[in-house]
C-alpha atoms as a PDB file:
ATOM      1  CA  UNK A   1     -10.260 -18.024  -4.316  1.00  0.00           C
ATOM      2  CA  UNK A   2     -12.258 -14.792  -4.385  1.00  0.00           C
ATOM      3  CA  UNK A   3     -15.619 -13.987  -2.893  1.00  0.00           C
ATOM      4  CA  UNK A   4     -18.745 -14.775  -4.864  1.00  0.00           C
ATOM      5  CA  UNK A   5     -21.795 -12.526  -4.951  1.00  0.00           C
ATOM      6  CA  UNK A   6     -24.797 -13.535  -7.069  1.00  0.00           C
ATOM      7  CA  UNK A   7     -22.662 -15.457  -9.522  1.00  0.00           C
ATOM      8  CA  UNK A   8     -19.952 -12.800  -9.757  1.00  0.00           C
ATOM      9  CA  UNK A   9     -16.521 -13.673  -8.466  1.00  0.00           C
ATOM     10  CA  UNK A  10     -14.009 -11.108  -7.315  1.00  0.00           C
ATOM     11  CA  UNK A  11     -10.399 -12.143  -7.081  1.00  0.00           C
ATOM     12  CA  UNK A  12      -8.101 -10.394  -4.647  1.00  0.00           C
ATOM     13  CA  UNK A  13      -5.556  -8.124  -6.291  1.00  0.00           C
ATOM     14  CA  UNK A  14      -1.906  -9.085  -6.169  1.00  0.00           C
ATOM     15  CA  UNK A  15      -0.130  -7.102  -3.436  1.00  0.00           C
ATOM     16  CA  UNK A  16       2.114  -5.573  -6.081  1.00  0.00           C
ATOM     17  CA  UNK A  17       2.188  -5.355  -9.877  1.00  0.00           C
ATOM     18  CA  UNK A  18       4.989  -4.069 -12.098  1.00  0.00           C
ATOM     19  CA  UNK A  19       3.860  -1.852 -14.975  1.00  0.00           C
ATOM     20  CA  UNK A  20       4.484  -3.215 -18.479  1.00  0.00           C
ATOM     21  CA  UNK A  21       7.017  -0.441 -19.196  1.00  0.00           C
ATOM     22  CA  UNK A  22       8.917  -1.128 -15.928  1.00  0.00           C
ATOM     23  CA  UNK A  23       8.603   2.469 -14.747  1.00  0.00           C
ATOM     24  CA  UNK A  24       6.175   2.024 -11.871  1.00  0.00           C
ATOM     25  CA  UNK A  25       4.875  -0.366  -9.266  1.00  0.00           C
ATOM     26  CA  UNK A  26       1.244  -0.679  -8.245  1.00  0.00           C
ATOM     27  CA  UNK A  27       0.813  -1.670  -4.596  1.00  0.00           C
ATOM     28  CA  UNK A  28      -2.289  -2.658  -2.633  1.00  0.00           C
ATOM     29  CA  UNK A  29      -2.068  -1.371   0.948  1.00  0.00           C
ATOM     30  CA  UNK A  30      -4.163  -1.654   4.091  1.00  0.00           C
ATOM     31  CA  UNK A  31      -3.962   1.413   6.309  1.00  0.00           C
ATOM     32  CA  UNK A  32      -4.206   1.007  10.079  1.00  0.00           C
ATOM     33  CA  UNK A  33      -5.039   4.513  11.392  1.00  0.00           C
ATOM     34  CA  UNK A  34      -4.569   5.441  15.042  1.00  0.00           C
ATOM     35  CA  UNK A  35      -1.617   3.088  15.534  1.00  0.00           C
ATOM     36  CA  UNK A  36       0.817   3.562  18.418  1.00  0.00           C
ATOM     37  CA  UNK A  37       3.753   3.502  16.008  1.00  0.00           C
ATOM     38  CA  UNK A  38       4.130   4.431  12.375  1.00  0.00           C
ATOM     39  CA  UNK A  39       5.417   1.479  10.386  1.00  0.00           C
ATOM     40  CA  UNK A  40       5.245   0.104   6.863  1.00  0.00           C
ATOM     41  CA  UNK A  41       5.561  -3.659   6.806  1.00  0.00           C
ATOM     42  CA  UNK A  42       3.813  -6.975   6.969  1.00  0.00           C
ATOM     43  CA  UNK A  43       0.832  -8.242   5.051  1.00  0.00           C
ATOM     44  CA  UNK A  44      -2.865  -8.439   5.811  1.00  0.00           C
ATOM     45  CA  UNK A  45      -5.346 -10.019   3.426  1.00  0.00           C
ATOM     46  CA  UNK A  46      -2.780  -9.857   0.634  1.00  0.00           C
ATOM     47  CA  UNK A  47      -1.953  -6.165   1.077  1.00  0.00           C
ATOM     48  CA  UNK A  48       1.037  -4.269   2.447  1.00  0.00           C
ATOM     49  CA  UNK A  49       0.217  -2.913   5.923  1.00  0.00           C
ATOM     50  CA  UNK A  50       0.807   0.783   6.601  1.00  0.00           C
ATOM     51  CA  UNK A  51       0.381   1.785  10.253  1.00  0.00           C
ATOM     52  CA  UNK A  52      -0.041   5.523  10.895  1.00  0.00           C
ATOM     53  CA  UNK A  53      -0.718   7.564  14.010  1.00  0.00           C
ATOM     54  CA  UNK A  54      -3.167   9.857  12.217  1.00  0.00           C
ATOM     55  CA  UNK A  55      -6.859   9.175  12.667  1.00  0.00           C
ATOM     56  CA  UNK A  56      -9.184   8.519   9.752  1.00  0.00           C
ATOM     57  CA  UNK A  57     -10.629  12.033   9.852  1.00  0.00           C
ATOM     58  CA  UNK A  58     -10.647  14.319   6.780  1.00  0.00           C
ATOM     59  CA  UNK A  59      -8.329  11.865   4.977  1.00  0.00           C
ATOM     60  CA  UNK A  60      -5.495  12.558   7.441  1.00  0.00           C
ATOM     61  CA  UNK A  61      -4.716   8.832   7.577  1.00  0.00           C
ATOM     62  CA  UNK A  62      -4.521   8.653   3.765  1.00  0.00           C
ATOM     63  CA  UNK A  63      -2.078  11.558   3.649  1.00  0.00           C
ATOM     64  CA  UNK A  64      -0.005  10.002   6.439  1.00  0.00           C
ATOM     65  CA  UNK A  65      -0.010   6.639   4.632  1.00  0.00           C
ATOM     66  CA  UNK A  66       1.297   8.221   1.428  1.00  0.00           C
ATOM     67  CA  UNK A  67       4.017  10.011   3.436  1.00  0.00           C
ATOM     68  CA  UNK A  68       4.971   6.716   5.116  1.00  0.00           C
ATOM     69  CA  UNK A  69       5.193   4.982   1.733  1.00  0.00           C
ATOM     70  CA  UNK A  70       7.415   7.784   0.396  1.00  0.00           C
ATOM     71  CA  UNK A  71       9.829   7.191   3.269  1.00  0.00           C
ATOM     72  CA  UNK A  72       9.655   3.383   3.141  1.00  0.00           C
ATOM     73  CA  UNK A  73      10.335   3.212  -0.597  1.00  0.00           C
ATOM     74  CA  UNK A  74      12.860   6.074  -0.615  1.00  0.00           C
ATOM     75  CA  UNK A  75      11.175   8.025  -3.404  1.00  0.00           C
ATOM     76  CA  UNK A  76      10.075  11.631  -3.950  1.00  0.00           C
ATOM     77  CA  UNK A  77       6.621  12.592  -2.690  1.00  0.00           C
ATOM     78  CA  UNK A  78       5.509  13.233  -6.270  1.00  0.00           C
ATOM     79  CA  UNK A  79       6.386   9.610  -7.157  1.00  0.00           C
ATOM     80  CA  UNK A  80       3.577   8.162  -5.009  1.00  0.00           C
ATOM     81  CA  UNK A  81       0.039   8.495  -6.341  1.00  0.00           C
ATOM     82  CA  UNK A  82      -3.127   7.283  -4.632  1.00  0.00           C
ATOM     83  CA  UNK A  83      -5.150   5.498  -7.330  1.00  0.00           C
ATOM     84  CA  UNK A  84      -8.091   4.120  -5.353  1.00  0.00           C
ATOM     85  CA  UNK A  85      -9.454   4.079  -1.833  1.00  0.00           C
ATOM     86  CA  UNK A  86      -9.035   7.660  -0.595  1.00  0.00           C
ATOM     87  CA  UNK A  87     -11.701   7.076   2.061  1.00  0.00           C
ATOM     88  CA  UNK A  88     -11.138   3.344   2.548  1.00  0.00           C
ATOM     89  CA  UNK A  89      -8.608   1.430   4.627  1.00  0.00           C
ATOM     90  CA  UNK A  90      -7.722  -0.621   1.556  1.00  0.00           C
ATOM     91  CA  UNK A  91      -5.969   1.515  -1.038  1.00  0.00           C
ATOM     92  CA  UNK A  92      -4.143   1.117  -4.324  1.00  0.00           C
ATOM     93  CA  UNK A  93      -1.111   3.314  -4.918  1.00  0.00           C
ATOM     94  CA  UNK A  94       1.252   3.652  -7.844  1.00  0.00           C
ATOM     95  CA  UNK A  95       4.909   4.365  -7.143  1.00  0.00           C
ATOM     96  CA  UNK A  96       7.016   5.756  -9.981  1.00  0.00           C
ATOM     97  CA  UNK A  97      10.614   4.638 -10.377  1.00  0.00           C
ATOM     98  CA  UNK A  98      12.621   1.539 -11.248  1.00  0.00           C
ATOM     99  CA  UNK A  99       9.860  -1.031 -10.888  1.00  0.00           C
ATOM    100  CA  UNK A 100      12.205  -3.954 -10.277  1.00  0.00           C
ATOM    101  CA  UNK A 101      13.982  -2.176  -7.405  1.00  0.00           C
ATOM    102  CA  UNK A 102      10.639  -1.004  -5.993  1.00  0.00           C
ATOM    103  CA  UNK A 103       9.311  -4.579  -6.190  1.00  0.00           C
ATOM    104  CA  UNK A 104      12.336  -5.858  -4.230  1.00  0.00           C
ATOM    105  CA  UNK A 105      11.724  -3.212  -1.565  1.00  0.00           C
ATOM    106  CA  UNK A 106       8.037  -4.099  -1.487  1.00  0.00           C
ATOM    107  CA  UNK A 107       8.812  -7.789  -1.014  1.00  0.00           C
ATOM    108  CA  UNK A 108      11.099  -6.961   1.924  1.00  0.00           C
ATOM    109  CA  UNK A 109       8.385  -4.766   3.445  1.00  0.00           C
ATOM    110  CA  UNK A 110       5.736  -7.478   2.996  1.00  0.00           C
ATOM    111  CA  UNK A 111       7.984  -9.867   4.948  1.00  0.00           C
ATOM    112  CA  UNK A 112       8.682  -7.294   7.699  1.00  0.00           C
ATOM    113  CA  UNK A 113       6.264  -7.496  10.628  1.00  0.00           C
ATOM    114  CA  UNK A 114       8.151  -5.176  12.990  1.00  0.00           C
ATOM    115  CA  UNK A 115       6.196  -2.369  14.610  1.00  0.00           C
ATOM    116  CA  UNK A 116       3.160  -4.582  15.207  1.00  0.00           C
END
């Protein structure tokens, strides 16, 4: 159940959503800047965890997170687009490509807790 503020209820976003046309995947991520190791995997509060060495200064961590997602999903850099959360640890990204294959990769990453 979501949080309630003055009668309004927010529901947490699904960690991943396939676009209706099947050409992209929307993924909610939590970025952990200043990590000892760079790693994409595991889940925290319903989001895919992206650990990056970069600090959260001048959006360096956001750029590093996008680069890590490019590598983890095996897509071109232009296929990953930051939709929301440029200055937040919780971000929403859209990844272009075969959405079903991307969703399978995302599910494997959500189950992977290595690098913690």
